[in-house]
C-alpha cells in the first residue's frame, strides 16, 4: 500500500513540474545581431513590459514583444 502511495505521489510531482509557468510562449530566436558592443535595452524583465508581452532579446538589445499570433490579427 505504501508503494502505491509513493508512486502516486511521484507521478503527481512529475506532472506538477511539467506544467507551464505563467506564459505559454517563449521568445523567438535571434538570427541577426547588431555591431554595437552594448546595445541599449528597452526592458530587463517581463515585469517592465505591458500585459501579455515579454522582454525578449532582439537584433539589438532587449525589447518588449507581443505573442507572435497576436501580430497576425
PDB file of N, CA and C in Angstrom:
ATOM      1  N   UNK A   1       0.823  -1.189   0.000  1.00  0.00           N
ATOM      2  CA  UNK A   1       0.000   0.000   0.000  1.00  0.00           C
ATOM      3  C   UNK A   1       0.866   1.252   0.000  1.00  0.00           C
ATOM      4  N   UNK A   2       1.982   1.202   0.759  1.00  0.00           N
ATOM      5  CA  UNK A   2       2.875   2.358   0.804  1.00  0.00           C
ATOM      6  C   UNK A   2       3.530   2.597  -0.543  1.00  0.00           C
ATOM      7  N   UNK A   3       3.830   1.545  -1.281  1.00  0.00           N
ATOM      8  CA  UNK A   3       4.472   1.722  -2.586  1.00  0.00           C
ATOM      9  C   UNK A   3       3.511   2.362  -3.588  1.00  0.00           C
ATOM     10  N   UNK A   4       2.225   2.044  -3.507  1.00  0.00           N
ATOM     11  CA  UNK A   4       1.231   2.662  -4.391  1.00  0.00           C
ATOM     12  C   UNK A   4       1.121   4.152  -4.090  1.00  0.00           C
ATOM     13  N   UNK A   5       1.112   4.505  -2.827  1.00  0.00           N
ATOM     14  CA  UNK A   5       1.044   5.914  -2.444  1.00  0.00           C
ATOM     15  C   UNK A   5       2.302   6.660  -2.888  1.00  0.00           C
ATOM     16  N   UNK A   6       3.447   6.017  -2.754  1.00  0.00           N
ATOM     17  CA  UNK A   6       4.699   6.646  -3.175  1.00  0.00           C
ATOM     18  C   UNK A   6       4.714   6.856  -4.691  1.00  0.00           C
ATOM     19  N   UNK A   7       4.256   5.873  -5.454  1.00  0.00           N
ATOM     20  CA  UNK A   7       4.193   6.013  -6.910  1.00  0.00           C
ATOM     21  C   UNK A   7       3.207   7.101  -7.320  1.00  0.00           C
ATOM     22  N   UNK A   8       2.085   7.168  -6.643  1.00  0.00           N
ATOM     23  CA  UNK A   8       1.104   8.208  -6.933  1.00  0.00           C
ATOM     24  C   UNK A   8       1.680   9.591  -6.643  1.00  0.00           C
ATOM     25  N   UNK A   9       2.376   9.722  -5.531  1.00  0.00           N
ATOM     26  CA  UNK A   9       2.999  10.996  -5.180  1.00  0.00           C
ATOM     27  C   UNK A   9       4.070  11.384  -6.200  1.00  0.00           C
ATOM     28  N   UNK A  10       4.877  10.431  -6.614  1.00  0.00           N
ATOM     29  CA  UNK A  10       5.900  10.713  -7.622  1.00  0.00           C
ATOM     30  C   UNK A  10       5.274  11.141  -8.938  1.00  0.00           C
ATOM     31  N   UNK A  11       4.207  10.472  -9.343  1.00  0.00           N
ATOM     32  CA  UNK A  11       3.519  10.846 -10.575  1.00  0.00           C
ATOM     33  C   UNK A  11       2.957  12.252 -10.508  1.00  0.00           C
ATOM     34  N   UNK A  12       2.392  12.616  -9.357  1.00  0.00           N
ATOM     35  CA  UNK A  12       1.850  13.967  -9.192  1.00  0.00           C
ATOM     36  C   UNK A  12       2.966  15.002  -9.240  1.00  0.00           C
ATOM     37  N   UNK A  13       4.111  14.710  -8.623  1.00  0.00           N
ATOM     38  CA  UNK A  13       5.241  15.637  -8.650  1.00  0.00           C
ATOM     39  C   UNK A  13       5.782  15.820 -10.061  1.00  0.00           C
ATOM     40  N   UNK A  14       5.888  14.746 -10.824  1.00  0.00           N
ATOM     41  CA  UNK A  14       6.360  14.838 -12.207  1.00  0.00           C
ATOM     42  C   UNK A  14       5.381  15.656 -13.041  1.00  0.00           C
ATOM     43  N   UNK A  15       4.102  15.425 -12.870  1.00  0.00           N
ATOM     44  CA  UNK A  15       3.088  16.186 -13.603  1.00  0.00           C
ATOM     45  C   UNK A  15       3.160  17.660 -13.231  1.00  0.00           C
ATOM     46  N   UNK A  16       3.339  17.961 -11.951  1.00  0.00           N
ATOM     47  CA  UNK A  16       3.393  19.351 -11.488  1.00  0.00           C
ATOM     48  C   UNK A  16       4.595  20.087 -12.066  1.00  0.00           C
ATOM     49  N   UNK A  17       5.746  19.413 -12.178  1.00  0.00           N
ATOM     50  CA  UNK A  17       6.932  20.067 -12.727  1.00  0.00           C
ATOM     51  C   UNK A  17       6.808  20.291 -14.225  1.00  0.00           C
ATOM     52  N   UNK A  18       5.953  19.549 -14.909  1.00  0.00           N
ATOM     53  CA  UNK A  18       5.770  19.699 -16.347  1.00  0.00           C
ATOM     54  C   UNK A  18       4.761  20.783 -16.707  1.00  0.00           C
ATOM     55  N   UNK A  19       4.018  21.301 -15.717  1.00  0.00           N
ATOM     56  CA  UNK A  19       3.032  22.326 -16.008  1.00  0.00           C
ATOM     57  C   UNK A  19       3.725  23.603 -16.468  1.00  0.00           C
ATOM     58  N   UNK A  20       3.142  24.320 -17.432  1.00  0.00           N
ATOM     59  CA  UNK A  20       3.783  25.548 -17.897  1.00  0.00           C
ATOM     60  C   UNK A  20       3.742  26.620 -16.829  1.00  0.00           C
ATOM     61  N   UNK A  21       4.698  27.532 -16.906  1.00  0.00           N
ATOM     62  CA  UNK A  21       4.722  28.649 -15.981  1.00  0.00           C
ATOM     63  C   UNK A  21       3.737  29.699 -16.460  1.00  0.00           C
ATOM     64  N   UNK A  22       3.864  30.930 -16.008  1.00  0.00           N
ATOM     65  CA  UNK A  22       2.908  31.979 -16.298  1.00  0.00           C
ATOM     66  C   UNK A  22       2.669  32.258 -17.766  1.00  0.00           C
ATOM     67  N   UNK A  23       3.619  32.017 -18.626  1.00  0.00           N
ATOM     68  CA  UNK A  23       3.416  32.315 -20.039  1.00  0.00           C
ATOM     69  C   UNK A  23       3.491  31.038 -20.856  1.00  0.00           C
ATOM     70  N   UNK A  24       2.757  31.023 -21.941  1.00  0.00           N
ATOM     71  CA  UNK A  24       2.691  29.820 -22.761  1.00  0.00           C
ATOM     72  C   UNK A  24       3.576  29.930 -23.998  1.00  0.00           C
ATOM     73  N   UNK A  25       4.332  30.992 -24.131  1.00  0.00           N
ATOM     74  CA  UNK A  25       5.197  31.125 -25.301  1.00  0.00           C
ATOM     75  C   UNK A  25       6.568  31.629 -24.873  1.00  0.00           C
ATOM     76  N   UNK A  26       7.544  31.382 -25.701  1.00  0.00           N
ATOM     77  CA  UNK A  26       8.896  31.818 -25.395  1.00  0.00           C
ATOM     78  C   UNK A  26       9.370  32.791 -26.468  1.00  0.00           C
ATOM     79  N   UNK A  27      10.436  33.461 -26.191  1.00  0.00           N
ATOM     80  CA  UNK A  27      10.977  34.447 -27.122  1.00  0.00           C
ATOM     81  C   UNK A  27      11.490  33.756 -28.382  1.00  0.00           C
ATOM     82  N   UNK A  28      11.293  34.403 -29.531  1.00  0.00           N
ATOM     83  CA  UNK A  28      11.801  33.814 -30.775  1.00  0.00           C
ATOM     84  C   UNK A  28      13.328  33.900 -30.816  1.00  0.00           C
ATOM     85  N   UNK A  29      13.963  33.011 -31.551  1.00  0.00           N
ATOM     86  CA  UNK A  29      15.425  33.070 -31.654  1.00  0.00           C
ATOM     87  C   UNK A  29      15.863  34.323 -32.418  1.00  0.00           C
ATOM     88  N   UNK A  30      17.022  34.827 -32.060  1.00  0.00           N
ATOM     89  CA  UNK A  30      17.594  35.996 -32.741  1.00  0.00           C
ATOM     90  C   UNK A  30      18.617  35.489 -33.744  1.00  0.00           C
ATOM     91  N   UNK A  31      18.413  35.807 -34.997  1.00  0.00           N
ATOM     92  CA  UNK A  31      19.299  35.305 -36.054  1.00  0.00           C
ATOM     93  C   UNK A  31      20.353  36.338 -36.473  1.00  0.00           C
ATOM     94  N   UNK A  32      20.056  37.620 -36.247  1.00  0.00           N
ATOM     95  CA  UNK A  32      20.970  38.688 -36.634  1.00  0.00           C
ATOM     96  C   UNK A  32      21.271  39.518 -35.390  1.00  0.00           C
ATOM     97  N   UNK A  33      22.530  39.877 -35.197  1.00  0.00           N
ATOM     98  CA  UNK A  33      22.882  40.733 -34.072  1.00  0.00           C
ATOM     99  C   UNK A  33      23.551  41.996 -34.591  1.00  0.00           C
ATOM    100  N   UNK A  34      23.370  43.082 -33.858  1.00  0.00           N
ATOM    101  CA  UNK A  34      23.954  44.353 -34.285  1.00  0.00           C
ATOM    102  C   UNK A  34      25.417  44.425 -33.874  1.00  0.00           C
ATOM    103  N   UNK A  35      26.118  45.407 -34.426  1.00  0.00           N
ATOM    104  CA  UNK A  35      27.544  45.547 -34.177  1.00  0.00           C
ATOM    105  C   UNK A  35      27.845  46.402 -32.950  1.00  0.00           C
ATOM    106  N   UNK A  36      26.823  46.970 -32.313  1.00  0.00           N
ATOM    107  CA  UNK A  36      27.041  47.790 -31.127  1.00  0.00           C
ATOM    108  C   UNK A  36      27.445  46.870 -29.971  1.00  0.00           C
ATOM    109  N   UNK A  37      28.570  47.166 -29.297  1.00  0.00           N
ATOM    110  CA  UNK A  37      29.027  46.277 -28.218  1.00  0.00           C
ATOM    111  C   UNK A  37      28.032  46.132 -27.074  1.00  0.00           C
ATOM    112  N   UNK A  38      27.451  47.213 -26.600  1.00  0.00           N
ATOM    113  CA  UNK A  38      26.479  47.177 -25.510  1.00  0.00           C
ATOM    114  C   UNK A  38      25.216  47.897 -25.958  1.00  0.00           C
ATOM    115  N   UNK A  39      24.358  47.229 -26.715  1.00  0.00           N
ATOM    116  CA  UNK A  39      23.161  47.913 -27.216  1.00  0.00           C
ATOM    117  C   UNK A  39      22.225  48.301 -26.084  1.00  0.00           C
ATOM    118  N   UNK A  40      21.476  49.398 -26.247  1.00  0.00           N
ATOM    119  CA  UNK A  40      20.540  49.803 -25.197  1.00  0.00           C
ATOM    120  C   UNK A  40      19.376  48.824 -25.086  1.00  0.00           C
ATOM    121  N   UNK A  41      18.942  48.579 -23.875  1.00  0.00           N
ATOM    122  CA  UNK A  41      17.811  47.687 -23.627  1.00  0.00           C
ATOM    123  C   UNK A  41      16.578  48.516 -23.286  1.00  0.00           C
ATOM    124  N   UNK A  42      15.448  48.158 -23.860  1.00  0.00           N
ATOM    125  CA  UNK A  42      14.187  48.818 -23.525  1.00  0.00           C
ATOM    126  C   UNK A  42      13.570  48.182 -22.278  1.00  0.00           C
ATOM    127  N   UNK A  43      14.003  46.977 -21.931  1.00  0.00           N
ATOM    128  CA  UNK A  43      13.493  46.277 -20.750  1.00  0.00           C
ATOM    129  C   UNK A  43      14.560  45.308 -20.260  1.00  0.00           C
ATOM    130  N   UNK A  44      14.395  44.867 -19.028  1.00  0.00           N
ATOM    131  CA  UNK A  44      15.304  43.886 -18.445  1.00  0.00           C
ATOM    132  C   UNK A  44      14.564  42.651 -17.940  1.00  0.00           C
ATOM    133  N   UNK A  45      13.235  42.780 -17.730  1.00  0.00           N
ATOM    134  CA  UNK A  45      12.436  41.642 -17.287  1.00  0.00           C
ATOM    135  C   UNK A  45      11.020  41.784 -17.842  1.00  0.00           C
ATOM    136  N   UNK A  46      10.250  40.714 -17.792  1.00  0.00           N
ATOM    137  CA  UNK A  46       8.873  40.724 -18.296  1.00  0.00           C
ATOM    138  C   UNK A  46       7.993  41.703 -17.522  1.00  0.00           C
ATOM    139  N   UNK A  47       8.335  41.964 -16.276  1.00  0.00           N
ATOM    140  CA  UNK A  47       7.528  42.861 -15.446  1.00  0.00           C
ATOM    141  C   UNK A  47       7.571  44.309 -15.934  1.00  0.00           C
ATOM    142  N   UNK A  48       8.575  44.656 -16.722  1.00  0.00           N
ATOM    143  CA  UNK A  48       8.693  46.010 -17.254  1.00  0.00           C
ATOM    144  C   UNK A  48       7.902  46.200 -18.549  1.00  0.00           C
ATOM    145  N   UNK A  49       7.338  45.133 -19.068  1.00  0.00           N
ATOM    146  CA  UNK A  49       6.590  45.189 -20.328  1.00  0.00           C
ATOM    147  C   UNK A  49       5.093  45.286 -20.052  1.00  0.00           C
ATOM    148  N   UNK A  50       4.327  45.813 -21.022  1.00  0.00           N
ATOM    149  CA  UNK A  50       2.871  45.825 -20.872  1.00  0.00           C
ATOM    150  C   UNK A  50       2.334  44.398 -20.737  1.00  0.00           C
ATOM    151  N   UNK A  51       1.101  44.301 -20.298  1.00  0.00           N
ATOM    152  CA  UNK A  51       0.467  42.992 -20.104  1.00  0.00           C
ATOM    153  C   UNK A  51       0.477  42.197 -21.401  1.00  0.00           C
ATOM    154  N   UNK A  52       0.676  40.912 -21.308  1.00  0.00           N
ATOM    155  CA  UNK A  52       0.705  39.966 -22.417  1.00  0.00           C
ATOM    156  C   UNK A  52       1.919  40.165 -23.332  1.00  0.00           C
ATOM    157  N   UNK A  53       2.956  40.834 -22.859  1.00  0.00           N
ATOM    158  CA  UNK A  53       4.198  40.966 -23.609  1.00  0.00           C
ATOM    159  C   UNK A  53       5.346  40.444 -22.765  1.00  0.00           C
ATOM    160  N   UNK A  54       6.437  40.077 -23.449  1.00  0.00           N
ATOM    161  CA  UNK A  54       7.617  39.559 -22.778  1.00  0.00           C
ATOM    162  C   UNK A  54       8.822  40.395 -23.163  1.00  0.00           C
ATOM    163  N   UNK A  55       9.810  40.460 -22.291  1.00  0.00           N
ATOM    164  CA  UNK A  55      11.075  41.117 -22.571  1.00  0.00           C
ATOM    165  C   UNK A  55      11.979  40.089 -23.253  1.00  0.00           C
ATOM    166  N   UNK A  56      12.210  40.296 -24.539  1.00  0.00           N
ATOM    167  CA  UNK A  56      12.961  39.322 -25.331  1.00  0.00           C
ATOM    168  C   UNK A  56      14.200  39.947 -25.949  1.00  0.00           C
ATOM    169  N   UNK A  57      15.233  39.148 -26.168  1.00  0.00           N
ATOM    170  CA  UNK A  57      16.379  39.662 -26.913  1.00  0.00           C
ATOM    171  C   UNK A  57      15.946  39.953 -28.344  1.00  0.00           C
ATOM    172  N   UNK A  58      16.428  41.067 -28.882  1.00  0.00           N
ATOM    173  CA  UNK A  58      16.133  41.402 -30.272  1.00  0.00           C
ATOM    174  C   UNK A  58      17.458  41.501 -31.023  1.00  0.00           C
ATOM    175  N   UNK A  59      17.412  41.957 -32.245  1.00  0.00           N
ATOM    176  CA  UNK A  59      18.644  42.045 -33.024  1.00  0.00           C
ATOM    177  C   UNK A  59      19.622  43.043 -32.404  1.00  0.00           C
ATOM    178  N   UNK A  60      19.089  43.997 -31.610  1.00  0.00           N
ATOM    179  CA  UNK A  60      19.972  44.990 -30.988  1.00  0.00           C
ATOM    180  C   UNK A  60      19.393  45.397 -29.630  1.00  0.00           C
ATOM    181  N   UNK A  61      19.700  44.652 -28.596  1.00  0.00           N
ATOM    182  CA  UNK A  61      19.188  44.930 -27.260  1.00  0.00           C
ATOM    183  C   UNK A  61      17.919  44.148 -26.969  1.00  0.00           C
ATOM    184  N   UNK A  62      17.375  44.337 -25.784  1.00  0.00           N
ATOM    185  CA  UNK A  62      16.143  43.649 -25.373  1.00  0.00           C
ATOM    186  C   UNK A  62      14.962  44.571 -25.589  1.00  0.00           C
ATOM    187  N   UNK A  63      13.838  43.997 -26.053  1.00  0.00           N
ATOM    188  CA  UNK A  63      12.626  44.754 -26.355  1.00  0.00           C
ATOM    189  C   UNK A  63      11.409  43.978 -25.870  1.00  0.00           C
ATOM    190  N   UNK A  64      10.316  44.704 -25.595  1.00  0.00           N
ATOM    191  CA  UNK A  64       9.042  44.068 -25.259  1.00  0.00           C
ATOM    192  C   UNK A  64       8.427  43.544 -26.551  1.00  0.00           C
ATOM    193  N   UNK A  65       8.024  42.279 -26.539  1.00  0.00           N
ATOM    194  CA  UNK A  65       7.453  41.661 -27.731  1.00  0.00           C
ATOM    195  C   UNK A  65       6.090  41.082 -27.416  1.00  0.00           C
ATOM    196  N   UNK A  66       5.185  41.208 -28.367  1.00  0.00           N
ATOM    197  CA  UNK A  66       3.861  40.586 -28.245  1.00  0.00           C
ATOM    198  C   UNK A  66       3.947  39.141 -28.699  1.00  0.00           C
ATOM    199  N   UNK A  67       2.958  38.369 -28.329  1.00  0.00           N
ATOM    200  CA  UNK A  67       2.880  36.981 -28.765  1.00  0.00           C
ATOM    201  C   UNK A  67       2.809  36.976 -30.295  1.00  0.00           C
ATOM    202  N   UNK A  68       3.536  36.087 -30.958  1.00  0.00           N
ATOM    203  CA  UNK A  68       3.551  36.064 -32.430  1.00  0.00           C
ATOM    204  C   UNK A  68       2.164  35.929 -33.059  1.00  0.00           C
ATOM    205  N   UNK A  69       1.241  35.207 -32.429  1.00  0.00           N
ATOM    206  CA  UNK A  69      -0.087  35.059 -33.028  1.00  0.00           C
ATOM    207  C   UNK A  69      -0.897  36.338 -32.910  1.00  0.00           C
ATOM    208  N   UNK A  70      -0.552  37.214 -31.966  1.00  0.00           N
ATOM    209  CA  UNK A  70      -1.274  38.483 -31.811  1.00  0.00           C
ATOM    210  C   UNK A  70      -0.950  39.436 -32.939  1.00  0.00           C
ATOM    211  N   UNK A  71       0.176  39.235 -33.620  1.00  0.00           N
ATOM    212  CA  UNK A  71       0.560  40.116 -34.705  1.00  0.00           C
ATOM    213  C   UNK A  71      -0.215  39.849 -35.980  1.00  0.00           C
ATOM    214  N   UNK A  72      -0.796  38.672 -36.103  1.00  0.00           N
ATOM    215  CA  UNK A  72      -1.491  38.322 -37.339  1.00  0.00           C
ATOM    216  C   UNK A  72      -2.964  38.720 -37.333  1.00  0.00           C
ATOM    217  N   UNK A  73      -3.412  39.363 -36.265  1.00  0.00           N
ATOM    218  CA  UNK A  73      -4.826  39.751 -36.182  1.00  0.00           C
ATOM    219  C   UNK A  73      -5.089  40.971 -37.026  1.00  0.00           C
TER     220      UNK A  73
END
